[in-house]
Protein backbone atom coordinates (compact mmCIF):
# COMPACT_ATOMS: atom_id res chain seq x y z
CA MET A 1 2.75 -41.26 -42.83
CA SER A 2 3.69 -44.51 -41.07
CA ARG A 3 5.17 -44.22 -37.59
CA ILE A 4 7.88 -46.77 -36.77
CA ALA A 5 9.09 -47.98 -33.36
CA ILE A 6 12.64 -49.18 -32.81
CA ILE A 7 12.25 -51.60 -29.90
CA THR A 8 15.08 -52.61 -27.58
CA GLY A 9 15.30 -56.37 -27.05
CA SER A 10 17.00 -56.67 -23.67
CA THR A 11 16.52 -55.42 -20.12
CA ARG A 12 19.55 -56.96 -18.42
CA PRO A 13 22.17 -54.81 -16.62
CA GLY A 14 25.07 -53.94 -18.90
CA ARG A 15 23.03 -54.64 -22.04
CA HIS A 16 24.22 -53.51 -25.47
CA SER A 17 20.68 -53.33 -26.83
CA GLU A 18 20.12 -49.68 -25.98
CA ALA A 19 23.35 -48.59 -27.70
CA VAL A 20 22.52 -50.61 -30.82
CA ALA A 21 18.95 -49.29 -30.87
CA LYS A 22 20.16 -45.68 -30.64
CA TRP A 23 22.60 -46.36 -33.48
CA VAL A 24 19.74 -47.74 -35.61
CA LEU A 25 17.60 -44.72 -34.68
CA ASP A 26 20.38 -42.35 -35.75
CA HIS A 27 20.49 -43.96 -39.20
CA ALA A 28 16.71 -44.25 -39.47
CA GLN A 29 16.13 -40.57 -38.73
CA ARG A 30 18.06 -39.66 -41.87
CA ARG A 31 15.10 -40.94 -43.85
CA ASP A 32 12.27 -38.61 -44.78
CA ASP A 33 9.45 -41.10 -45.39
CA ALA A 34 8.54 -42.03 -41.80
CA PRO A 35 9.11 -40.82 -38.23
CA PHE A 36 11.05 -43.23 -36.00
CA ASP A 37 10.92 -43.44 -32.20
CA LEU A 38 12.87 -45.48 -29.68
CA VAL A 39 10.77 -47.75 -27.45
CA ASP A 40 12.65 -49.30 -24.53
CA ILE A 41 10.91 -52.35 -23.05
CA ALA A 42 12.81 -51.70 -19.81
CA ASP A 43 10.65 -48.60 -19.28
CA TYR A 44 7.39 -50.57 -18.99
CA GLY A 45 8.03 -52.79 -15.99
CA LEU A 46 6.52 -55.82 -17.67
CA ALA A 47 6.38 -58.77 -15.28
CA GLN A 48 6.41 -62.35 -16.47
CA LEU A 49 3.13 -62.55 -18.38
CA ASP A 50 0.57 -61.91 -15.67
CA GLU A 51 -2.68 -61.43 -17.58
CA MET A 52 -5.54 -63.82 -16.82
CA MET A 53 -7.13 -63.58 -20.28
CA PRO A 54 -5.40 -64.48 -23.56
CA ALA A 55 -3.92 -61.46 -25.33
CA SER A 56 -6.20 -62.11 -28.32
CA MET A 57 -9.19 -61.13 -26.16
CA GLY A 58 -7.77 -57.66 -25.56
CA GLN A 59 -9.06 -57.62 -21.97
CA TYR A 60 -6.02 -56.26 -20.20
CA SER A 61 -6.19 -56.03 -16.43
CA GLN A 62 -2.72 -54.79 -15.49
CA PRO A 63 -1.72 -51.12 -15.74
CA HIS A 64 1.67 -52.02 -17.25
CA THR A 65 -0.07 -54.05 -19.97
CA GLN A 66 -2.41 -51.21 -20.86
CA ARG A 67 0.44 -48.72 -21.04
CA TRP A 68 2.43 -51.13 -23.23
CA ALA A 69 -0.61 -51.75 -25.43
CA ASP A 70 -1.25 -48.03 -25.89
CA THR A 71 2.34 -47.49 -26.96
CA ILE A 72 2.46 -50.36 -29.46
CA ALA A 73 -0.98 -49.51 -30.88
CA SER A 74 0.27 -46.03 -31.76
CA PHE A 75 2.85 -47.40 -34.24
CA ASP A 76 2.46 -48.77 -37.75
CA GLY A 77 5.63 -50.87 -37.88
CA PHE A 78 8.49 -52.09 -35.74
CA VAL A 79 12.22 -52.71 -35.85
CA PHE A 80 13.21 -55.16 -33.12
CA VAL A 81 16.79 -54.85 -31.90
CA THR A 82 17.64 -58.24 -30.46
CA PRO A 83 20.62 -59.91 -28.82
CA GLU A 84 21.14 -63.65 -29.21
CA TYR A 85 20.87 -65.68 -26.03
CA ASN A 86 21.25 -69.47 -26.31
CA HIS A 87 20.41 -69.59 -30.04
CA SER A 88 17.33 -67.39 -29.62
CA THR A 89 16.10 -63.93 -28.72
CA SER A 90 15.87 -62.68 -25.14
CA GLY A 91 13.17 -63.83 -22.76
CA ALA A 92 12.34 -60.19 -22.01
CA LEU A 93 11.52 -59.45 -25.65
CA LYS A 94 9.51 -62.65 -26.11
CA ASN A 95 7.56 -61.80 -22.96
CA ALA A 96 6.85 -58.26 -24.19
CA ILE A 97 5.55 -59.60 -27.49
CA ASP A 98 3.33 -62.19 -25.76
CA PHE A 99 1.49 -59.54 -23.74
CA LEU A 100 -0.30 -58.20 -26.83
CA TYR A 101 -2.15 -59.41 -29.92
CA ALA A 102 -4.22 -56.95 -31.95
CA GLU A 103 -1.63 -54.23 -31.42
CA TRP A 104 0.89 -56.21 -33.52
CA ASN A 105 -1.52 -57.29 -36.24
CA ASN A 106 -1.43 -56.04 -39.81
CA LYS A 107 1.83 -54.19 -39.30
CA ALA A 108 5.38 -54.55 -40.56
CA ALA A 109 8.23 -56.00 -38.52
CA GLY A 110 11.96 -55.81 -39.17
CA PHE A 111 14.94 -57.03 -37.18
CA VAL A 112 18.42 -55.88 -36.24
CA SER A 113 20.45 -58.49 -34.38
CA TYR A 114 23.80 -58.72 -32.66
CA GLY A 115 25.75 -61.22 -30.59
CA ALA A 116 26.87 -64.77 -31.38
CA ALA A 117 26.79 -65.48 -35.13
CA GLY A 118 25.55 -61.92 -35.59
CA GLY A 119 22.30 -62.82 -33.86
CA THR A 120 21.14 -64.82 -36.89
CA ARG A 121 19.38 -67.48 -34.84
CA ALA A 122 17.63 -64.86 -32.73
CA VAL A 123 16.13 -63.40 -35.91
CA GLU A 124 15.12 -66.87 -37.12
CA HIS A 125 13.11 -67.35 -33.94
CA LEU A 126 11.64 -63.85 -33.98
CA ARG A 127 10.32 -64.34 -37.50
CA LEU A 128 8.42 -67.42 -36.29
CA ILE A 129 7.28 -65.68 -33.10
CA MET A 130 5.84 -62.70 -34.98
CA ALA A 131 4.00 -65.02 -37.37
CA GLU A 132 2.44 -67.20 -34.65
CA PRO A 133 -0.15 -64.83 -33.06
CA ILE A 134 -1.82 -64.28 -36.44
CA PRO A 135 -3.19 -67.28 -38.41
CA PRO A 136 -1.54 -67.60 -41.86
CA ALA A 137 -4.66 -66.49 -43.73
CA MET A 138 -4.70 -63.24 -41.72
CA LEU A 139 -0.97 -62.63 -41.43
CA ARG A 140 -0.03 -59.17 -42.60
CA ILE A 141 3.29 -58.75 -40.81
CA ALA A 142 6.08 -58.18 -43.33
CA ASN A 143 9.04 -59.89 -41.72
CA ALA A 144 12.19 -58.36 -43.18
CA ASP A 145 15.75 -58.98 -42.09
CA MET A 146 16.89 -55.41 -41.43
CA ARG A 147 20.52 -56.46 -41.80
CA ARG A 148 19.77 -56.77 -45.52
CA ILE A 149 18.00 -53.43 -45.55
CA LEU A 150 20.85 -51.83 -43.64
CA GLY A 151 23.37 -53.65 -45.82
CA MET A 152 25.85 -53.56 -42.98
CA GLY A 153 27.17 -55.59 -40.08
CA VAL A 154 27.46 -54.45 -36.50
CA SER A 155 30.21 -55.31 -34.07
CA LEU A 156 30.56 -54.40 -30.43
CA SER A 157 34.13 -53.73 -29.35
CA GLY A 158 35.24 -53.36 -25.76
CA GLY A 159 32.98 -53.14 -22.75
CA ASN A 160 31.45 -49.79 -23.56
CA GLY A 161 29.19 -50.93 -26.41
CA HIS A 162 31.09 -48.95 -29.04
CA LEU A 163 29.57 -49.61 -32.45
CA ARG A 164 31.48 -50.18 -35.63
CA ALA A 165 29.53 -50.32 -38.89
CA TYR A 166 30.91 -51.55 -42.16
CA SER A 167 29.82 -52.10 -45.74
CA GLN A 168 27.20 -49.34 -45.62
CA ARG A 169 25.94 -50.05 -49.10
CA TYR A 170 22.26 -49.72 -48.31
CA ALA A 171 22.13 -47.57 -45.20
CA LEU A 172 18.79 -46.67 -43.66
CA SER A 173 19.38 -43.09 -44.69
CA THR A 174 19.40 -43.97 -48.39
CA GLY A 175 17.32 -47.16 -48.59
CA HIS A 176 13.82 -47.22 -50.05
CA HIS A 177 12.13 -50.00 -48.11
CA ARG A 178 8.53 -49.30 -47.20
CA LEU A 179 6.72 -50.64 -44.16
CA PRO A 180 3.18 -51.40 -45.40
CA ARG A 181 -0.07 -51.08 -43.49
CA SER A 182 -2.97 -52.67 -45.29
CA GLY A 183 -5.07 -55.81 -45.23
CA PRO A 184 -8.39 -57.28 -44.11
CA CYS A 185 -8.03 -56.20 -40.45
CA SER A 186 -6.76 -52.64 -40.68
CA GLY A 187 -7.86 -49.37 -39.18
CA SER A 188 -7.90 -48.31 -35.55
CA ARG A 189 -6.81 -50.52 -32.68
CA GLU A 190 -10.46 -51.16 -31.74
CA ALA A 191 -11.43 -51.98 -35.33
CA ARG A 192 -8.54 -54.42 -35.72
CA ARG A 193 -9.39 -56.16 -32.45
CA ALA A 194 -13.08 -56.49 -33.41
CA CYS A 195 -12.13 -57.87 -36.82
CA LEU A 196 -9.71 -60.40 -35.31
CA GLN A 197 -12.20 -61.56 -32.69
CA ASP A 198 -14.89 -61.97 -35.35
CA ARG A 199 -12.57 -64.08 -37.49
CA HIS A 200 -11.54 -66.12 -34.45
CA HIS A 201 -15.22 -66.78 -33.66
CA HIS A 202 -15.94 -68.04 -37.20
CA ARG A 203 -12.93 -70.38 -37.14
CA ARG A 204 -14.17 -72.21 -34.04
């Protein structure tokens, strides 16, 4: 059974991301086809990208990178909960994504957004970001706008992050959207990394 991470997209003080992520988790856990877990990027102490080697090499030198890699490698798909900052996602989430490579490959990615214009432009950027680390011929990330899967909008009212959902036509608890895990570079984290490095070598 696929294991899915719901990933917070902000680390700033007073963020709404954690409240939205917990709301998504509450709906997701009503499903019976996959276990869902909350992953808070604020818990990993990720500095501005501080690895000497490219993430595609998988040669992590920092303890926070290794801990982050171990967590992400243990999941089969992801739901990114992102705010919109200046027509894009947060720098903290982009930085967290950039730390890793093989751990994201051949997995599914979905998005829940909030903020200006409902976070639409943040999702537009995230779809491109998640496609970039994997060359098109090898891309196996199923980018899905989770607002369509949820079939609902989210609004934040007041300063306490209170959530108000509406139009729950296709709630997570009743939807039937699968997060696939298959493709030419599948298997364990080590097997995926070896496959990706081999393909990278032959493209040079």
